[in-house]
Protein backbone atom coordinates (compact mmCIF):
# COMPACT_ATOMS: atom_id res chain seq x y z
CA MET A 1 117.26 71.68 95.04
CA GLU A 2 113.47 71.39 95.05
CA ASN A 3 111.44 73.28 92.43
CA ASP A 4 109.59 75.30 95.08
CA VAL A 5 112.88 76.50 96.60
CA LYS A 6 114.26 77.44 93.17
CA PHE A 7 111.05 79.31 92.39
CA LEU A 8 110.99 81.23 95.68
CA GLU A 9 114.68 82.06 95.41
CA TYR A 10 114.24 83.37 91.86
CA VAL A 11 111.24 85.57 92.76
CA VAL A 12 112.69 87.00 95.98
CA LYS A 13 116.16 87.66 94.55
CA ALA A 14 114.52 89.59 91.70
CA LEU A 15 112.74 91.83 94.24
CA VAL A 16 115.51 92.66 96.72
CA ASP A 17 118.60 94.88 96.60
CA ASN A 18 120.74 92.32 98.48
CA PRO A 19 120.14 88.98 96.72
CA ASN A 20 123.18 87.38 98.39
CA ASP A 21 121.45 87.75 101.78
CA VAL A 22 118.40 85.67 100.75
CA LYS A 23 118.20 82.43 102.75
CA ILE A 24 115.52 79.77 102.36
CA LEU A 25 115.01 76.84 104.71
CA ARG A 26 112.66 74.08 103.56
CA SER A 27 111.13 71.57 105.98
CA VAL A 28 108.48 68.91 105.49
CA ASP A 29 106.10 67.51 108.11
CA GLU A 30 102.58 66.08 108.27
CA MET A 31 101.15 69.55 107.58
CA GLY A 32 103.06 69.89 104.30
CA VAL A 33 106.04 71.95 103.22
CA LEU A 34 107.14 74.96 105.27
CA MET A 35 109.50 77.39 103.61
CA THR A 36 111.17 79.90 105.89
CA LEU A 37 112.54 83.02 104.21
CA GLU A 38 115.17 85.40 105.56
CA VAL A 39 116.26 88.57 103.79
CA ASN A 40 118.40 91.58 104.58
CA PRO A 41 116.52 93.92 106.97
CA VAL A 42 116.54 96.75 104.42
CA ASP A 43 114.73 94.48 101.93
CA MET A 44 111.84 93.47 104.20
CA GLY A 45 109.54 96.15 102.80
CA LYS A 46 110.10 94.93 99.26
CA VAL A 47 109.26 91.34 100.18
CA ILE A 48 106.23 92.22 102.32
CA GLY A 49 104.89 94.99 100.07
CA ARG A 50 102.32 97.62 100.85
CA THR A 51 99.76 96.15 103.24
CA GLY A 52 101.32 92.73 102.70
CA ASN A 53 100.24 92.42 99.07
CA THR A 54 103.62 91.23 97.74
CA ALA A 55 103.93 88.56 100.44
CA LYS A 56 100.35 87.44 99.73
CA ALA A 57 101.10 87.14 96.01
CA ILE A 58 104.27 85.12 96.66
CA ARG A 59 102.33 82.78 98.97
CA THR A 60 99.63 82.30 96.33
CA LEU A 61 102.19 81.45 93.66
CA LEU A 62 103.93 79.03 96.02
CA ARG A 63 100.62 77.24 96.65
CA VAL A 64 100.19 76.85 92.89
CA VAL A 65 103.71 75.41 92.58
CA GLY A 66 102.88 73.10 95.50
CA MET A 67 99.61 71.92 93.93
CA LYS A 68 101.52 70.96 90.81
CA ASN A 69 103.66 68.70 93.02
CA ASN A 70 100.74 67.51 95.22
CA ALA A 71 102.13 69.33 98.26
CA ARG A 72 100.76 72.00 100.57
CA VAL A 73 103.33 74.80 100.68
CA ASN A 74 103.38 77.52 103.34
CA LEU A 75 105.73 80.49 103.58
CA LYS A 76 107.04 82.04 106.79
CA ILE A 77 108.95 85.29 106.49
CA ASN A 78 111.35 85.77 109.41
CA GLU A 79 111.59 89.31 110.69
CA PRO A 80 115.26 90.17 111.09
CA ALA A 81 116.59 90.99 114.54
CA GLY A 82 116.58 94.70 115.16
CA ALA A 83 113.89 95.42 112.58
CA LEU A 84 111.86 98.51 113.27
CA PRO A 85 108.23 97.84 114.21
CA ARG A 86 105.90 98.48 111.28
CA GLU A 87 103.79 101.58 111.47
CA ARG A 88 100.11 100.90 111.93
CA THR A 89 98.21 101.88 108.77
CA ASP A 90 94.66 100.92 109.72
CA LYS A 91 93.50 104.15 111.33
CA SER A 92 89.92 104.82 112.28
CA ILE A 93 88.07 107.67 110.58
CA ASP A 94 88.35 109.74 113.78
CA GLU A 95 92.12 109.22 113.93
CA ALA A 96 92.48 110.17 110.26
CA LEU A 97 90.42 113.33 110.76
CA ASN A 98 92.52 114.24 113.81
CA ASP A 99 95.67 113.82 111.71
CA MET A 100 94.24 116.19 109.10
CA LYS A 101 93.27 118.63 111.89
CA ILE A 102 89.72 119.02 110.60
């Protein structure tokens, strides 16, 4: 198993409640390494994080691992079938004021 796969598997399994459902597919093309991650639908929030910060951090760490091996590493997180659409969090000031009924 490649180091980048071992690393991603270790990090993601430490975050989720269903580590046995973590699946990682690694493919290489002229653009570099693409790692596709699948997790249990209930664990998506833990992997993505608030406003995507956890996913961003994982991607940054994977790029560092890739640089060590002279490879460009990208991460794709597959949304599970039947996942609920994420609630929009980027409200305008007017929308926020309306919500507060001011």
